[in-house]
Amino acid sequence: MFLKINDEWALSSDEHSWIINKWKPSEDKWVQKAWLSTFQNAVTSLARRRIRLSGATTLAEAIKDAEAIKTELTAALDVNIEVENEE
């Protein structure tokens, strides 16, 4: 699976993990940056990584960036996954 979040970030998966990918224009390819065991951990890790890299210099800017990142992730991953127990 490959889920593009924006032109810079994406989430993908293999049979073992979820992967955070970053677009590397100089190589014209997606580069794997982190491997996580669950989808929720991958989304949380990506959000936290993007907040840390946001370049904010004040708390107000950091909060604004965090809200923008949350909104973008929510829009990009607008899915409702429900697993039912089939017994």
N, C-alpha and C. Protein backbone atom coordinates (compact mmCIF):
# COMPACT_ATOMS: atom_id res chain seq x y z
N MET A 1 0.84 -1.17 0.00
CA MET A 1 0.00 0.00 0.00
C MET A 1 0.89 1.24 0.00
N PHE A 2 0.44 2.27 -0.68
CA PHE A 2 1.17 3.54 -0.72
C PHE A 2 0.15 4.67 -0.60
N LEU A 3 0.28 5.47 0.47
CA LEU A 3 -0.65 6.57 0.73
C LEU A 3 0.12 7.89 0.72
N LYS A 4 -0.05 8.65 -0.35
CA LYS A 4 0.64 9.94 -0.46
C LYS A 4 -0.10 10.96 0.40
N ILE A 5 0.63 11.59 1.31
CA ILE A 5 0.06 12.60 2.19
C ILE A 5 0.13 13.97 1.51
N ASN A 6 1.27 14.28 0.96
CA ASN A 6 1.48 15.51 0.20
C ASN A 6 2.66 15.27 -0.73
N ASP A 7 3.20 16.33 -1.33
CA ASP A 7 4.32 16.15 -2.27
C ASP A 7 5.62 15.76 -1.59
N GLU A 8 5.67 15.86 -0.26
CA GLU A 8 6.90 15.57 0.47
C GLU A 8 6.85 14.28 1.28
N TRP A 9 5.67 13.89 1.77
CA TRP A 9 5.55 12.76 2.69
C TRP A 9 4.53 11.74 2.21
N ALA A 10 4.79 10.47 2.54
CA ALA A 10 3.85 9.39 2.23
C ALA A 10 4.02 8.28 3.27
N LEU A 11 2.99 7.46 3.38
CA LEU A 11 3.05 6.26 4.20
C LEU A 11 2.89 5.07 3.27
N SER A 12 3.66 4.04 3.53
CA SER A 12 3.52 2.82 2.74
C SER A 12 3.58 1.64 3.71
N SER A 13 3.37 0.46 3.18
CA SER A 13 3.41 -0.73 4.04
C SER A 13 4.01 -1.89 3.27
N ASP A 14 4.53 -2.82 4.04
CA ASP A 14 4.93 -4.11 3.51
C ASP A 14 4.29 -5.16 4.41
N GLU A 15 4.63 -6.39 4.28
CA GLU A 15 3.97 -7.41 5.08
C GLU A 15 4.31 -7.36 6.57
N HIS A 16 5.34 -6.58 6.92
CA HIS A 16 5.79 -6.53 8.31
C HIS A 16 5.56 -5.20 9.02
N SER A 17 5.49 -4.10 8.27
CA SER A 17 5.47 -2.80 8.93
C SER A 17 4.85 -1.70 8.07
N TRP A 18 4.64 -0.57 8.74
CA TRP A 18 4.25 0.67 8.08
C TRP A 18 5.50 1.51 7.95
N ILE A 19 5.63 2.24 6.84
CA ILE A 19 6.86 2.95 6.54
C ILE A 19 6.56 4.42 6.25
N ILE A 20 7.34 5.31 6.87
CA ILE A 20 7.27 6.74 6.55
C ILE A 20 8.26 6.99 5.42
N ASN A 21 7.78 7.62 4.36
CA ASN A 21 8.59 7.91 3.18
C ASN A 21 8.67 9.41 2.96
N LYS A 22 9.83 9.88 2.51
CA LYS A 22 10.03 11.30 2.20
C LYS A 22 10.52 11.39 0.75
N TRP A 23 9.93 12.31 0.00
CA TRP A 23 10.33 12.49 -1.39
C TRP A 23 11.69 13.17 -1.43
N LYS A 24 12.59 12.60 -2.23
CA LYS A 24 13.93 13.16 -2.39
C LYS A 24 14.07 13.61 -3.85
N PRO A 25 13.84 14.90 -4.11
CA PRO A 25 13.86 15.38 -5.50
C PRO A 25 15.18 15.15 -6.21
N SER A 26 16.29 15.24 -5.50
CA SER A 26 17.60 15.08 -6.14
C SER A 26 17.79 13.68 -6.71
N GLU A 27 17.07 12.70 -6.14
CA GLU A 27 17.15 11.33 -6.63
C GLU A 27 15.88 10.91 -7.37
N ASP A 28 14.90 11.81 -7.38
CA ASP A 28 13.61 11.57 -8.04
C ASP A 28 12.97 10.27 -7.56
N LYS A 29 12.97 10.11 -6.20
CA LYS A 29 12.35 8.90 -5.64
C LYS A 29 11.96 9.12 -4.19
N TRP A 30 11.11 8.23 -3.69
CA TRP A 30 10.72 8.22 -2.28
C TRP A 30 11.78 7.46 -1.49
N VAL A 31 12.18 8.01 -0.36
CA VAL A 31 13.18 7.39 0.51
C VAL A 31 12.51 6.99 1.81
N GLN A 32 12.74 5.76 2.23
CA GLN A 32 12.16 5.28 3.48
C GLN A 32 12.91 5.88 4.67
N LYS A 33 12.13 6.42 5.63
CA LYS A 33 12.74 7.11 6.77
C LYS A 33 12.52 6.40 8.10
N ALA A 34 11.39 5.70 8.25
CA ALA A 34 11.11 5.04 9.53
C ALA A 34 10.15 3.89 9.29
N TRP A 35 10.28 2.86 10.13
CA TRP A 35 9.44 1.66 10.04
C TRP A 35 8.73 1.50 11.38
N LEU A 36 7.41 1.33 11.32
CA LEU A 36 6.62 1.23 12.55
C LEU A 36 5.68 0.04 12.47
N SER A 37 5.30 -0.46 13.62
CA SER A 37 4.53 -1.72 13.64
C SER A 37 3.04 -1.54 13.37
N THR A 38 2.49 -0.36 13.64
CA THR A 38 1.05 -0.16 13.41
C THR A 38 0.82 1.11 12.60
N PHE A 39 -0.34 1.15 11.95
CA PHE A 39 -0.72 2.33 11.18
C PHE A 39 -0.82 3.55 12.09
N GLN A 40 -1.42 3.39 13.25
CA GLN A 40 -1.57 4.51 14.18
C GLN A 40 -0.21 5.04 14.61
N ASN A 41 0.73 4.15 14.89
CA ASN A 41 2.09 4.59 15.26
C ASN A 41 2.75 5.34 14.11
N ALA A 42 2.52 4.88 12.88
CA ALA A 42 3.12 5.54 11.72
C ALA A 42 2.56 6.95 11.54
N VAL A 43 1.26 7.10 11.66
CA VAL A 43 0.64 8.42 11.52
C VAL A 43 1.12 9.35 12.63
N THR A 44 1.14 8.86 13.86
CA THR A 44 1.60 9.67 14.99
C THR A 44 3.06 10.06 14.83
N SER A 45 3.89 9.12 14.42
CA SER A 45 5.31 9.40 14.23
C SER A 45 5.52 10.43 13.12
N LEU A 46 4.77 10.30 12.03
CA LEU A 46 4.89 11.26 10.93
C LEU A 46 4.48 12.66 11.41
N ALA A 47 3.38 12.75 12.13
CA ALA A 47 2.93 14.06 12.63
C ALA A 47 3.99 14.67 13.55
N ARG A 48 4.51 13.90 14.47
CA ARG A 48 5.52 14.41 15.40
C ARG A 48 6.80 14.82 14.67
N ARG A 49 7.20 14.03 13.70
CA ARG A 49 8.40 14.35 12.91
C ARG A 49 8.21 15.68 12.18
N ARG A 50 7.05 15.85 11.56
CA ARG A 50 6.78 17.07 10.81
C ARG A 50 6.71 18.28 11.73
N ILE A 51 6.17 18.12 12.92
CA ILE A 51 6.13 19.23 13.87
C ILE A 51 7.55 19.61 14.28
N ARG A 52 8.39 18.60 14.56
CA ARG A 52 9.79 18.88 14.95
C ARG A 52 10.54 19.58 13.83
N LEU A 53 10.21 19.28 12.58
CA LEU A 53 10.91 19.86 11.43
C LEU A 53 10.23 21.12 10.89
N SER A 54 9.22 21.62 11.58
CA SER A 54 8.41 22.70 11.04
C SER A 54 9.14 24.04 10.92
N GLY A 55 10.16 24.24 11.71
CA GLY A 55 10.87 25.51 11.64
C GLY A 55 10.24 26.60 12.51
N ALA A 56 9.24 26.23 13.31
CA ALA A 56 8.61 27.20 14.20
C ALA A 56 9.63 27.74 15.19
N THR A 57 9.51 29.03 15.49
CA THR A 57 10.43 29.65 16.44
C THR A 57 9.73 30.14 17.71
N THR A 58 8.42 30.04 17.72
CA THR A 58 7.65 30.41 18.92
C THR A 58 6.63 29.32 19.20
N LEU A 59 6.13 29.31 20.42
CA LEU A 59 5.11 28.33 20.77
C LEU A 59 3.85 28.52 19.92
N ALA A 60 3.49 29.75 19.67
CA ALA A 60 2.31 30.03 18.85
C ALA A 60 2.48 29.47 17.44
N GLU A 61 3.66 29.63 16.85
CA GLU A 61 3.93 29.08 15.52
C GLU A 61 3.89 27.55 15.56
N ALA A 62 4.44 26.95 16.60
CA ALA A 62 4.44 25.49 16.72
C ALA A 62 3.02 24.96 16.81
N ILE A 63 2.18 25.62 17.59
CA ILE A 63 0.78 25.20 17.71
C ILE A 63 0.06 25.34 16.38
N LYS A 64 0.29 26.44 15.70
CA LYS A 64 -0.33 26.66 14.39
C LYS A 64 0.13 25.58 13.39
N ASP A 65 1.42 25.28 13.38
CA ASP A 65 1.95 24.25 12.48
C ASP A 65 1.36 22.88 12.84
N ALA A 66 1.26 22.58 14.13
CA ALA A 66 0.71 21.30 14.57
C ALA A 66 -0.74 21.15 14.11
N GLU A 67 -1.52 22.21 14.21
CA GLU A 67 -2.92 22.17 13.76
C GLU A 67 -3.00 21.96 12.25
N ALA A 68 -2.13 22.63 11.50
CA ALA A 68 -2.11 22.48 10.05
C ALA A 68 -1.73 21.05 9.65
N ILE A 69 -0.76 20.49 10.35
CA ILE A 69 -0.33 19.11 10.07
C ILE A 69 -1.45 18.14 10.39
N LYS A 70 -2.11 18.33 11.52
CA LYS A 70 -3.23 17.47 11.90
C LYS A 70 -4.34 17.54 10.87
N THR A 71 -4.67 18.74 10.40
CA THR A 71 -5.71 18.91 9.39
C THR A 71 -5.33 18.20 8.09
N GLU A 72 -4.07 18.36 7.67
CA GLU A 72 -3.62 17.74 6.43
C GLU A 72 -3.67 16.21 6.53
N LEU A 73 -3.17 15.67 7.64
CA LEU A 73 -3.19 14.21 7.81
C LEU A 73 -4.62 13.68 7.86
N THR A 74 -5.48 14.38 8.56
CA THR A 74 -6.87 13.95 8.66
C THR A 74 -7.53 13.92 7.28
N ALA A 75 -7.28 14.95 6.48
CA ALA A 75 -7.85 15.00 5.14
C ALA A 75 -7.27 13.91 4.23
N ALA A 76 -5.97 13.70 4.32
CA ALA A 76 -5.31 12.71 3.46
C ALA A 76 -5.68 11.28 3.82
N LEU A 77 -5.97 11.06 5.08
CA LEU A 77 -6.24 9.70 5.56
C LEU A 77 -7.68 9.56 6.04
N ASP A 78 -8.59 10.24 5.40
CA ASP A 78 -10.00 10.23 5.81
C ASP A 78 -10.61 8.87 5.52
N VAL A 79 -10.36 7.96 6.44
CA VAL A 79 -10.89 6.60 6.32
C VAL A 79 -11.52 6.20 7.63
N ASN A 80 -12.46 5.33 7.55
CA ASN A 80 -13.08 4.80 8.75
C ASN A 80 -12.90 3.29 8.68
N ILE A 81 -11.93 2.78 9.41
CA ILE A 81 -11.63 1.36 9.37
C ILE A 81 -12.30 0.68 10.56
N GLU A 82 -13.09 -0.32 10.26
CA GLU A 82 -13.75 -1.06 11.33
C GLU A 82 -13.49 -2.55 11.10
N VAL A 83 -12.97 -3.18 12.10
CA VAL A 83 -12.69 -4.60 12.01
C VAL A 83 -13.75 -5.32 12.84
N GLU A 84 -14.45 -6.21 12.18
CA GLU A 84 -15.48 -6.95 12.89
C GLU A 84 -14.97 -8.35 13.19
N ASN A 85 -15.37 -8.84 14.32
CA ASN A 85 -15.01 -10.20 14.73
C ASN A 85 -15.98 -11.16 14.08
N GLU A 86 -15.46 -12.01 13.22
CA GLU A 86 -16.31 -12.98 12.54
C GLU A 86 -16.20 -14.33 13.24
N GLU A 87 -17.13 -14.60 14.11
CA GLU A 87 -17.12 -15.88 14.84
C GLU A 87 -18.28 -16.73 14.41
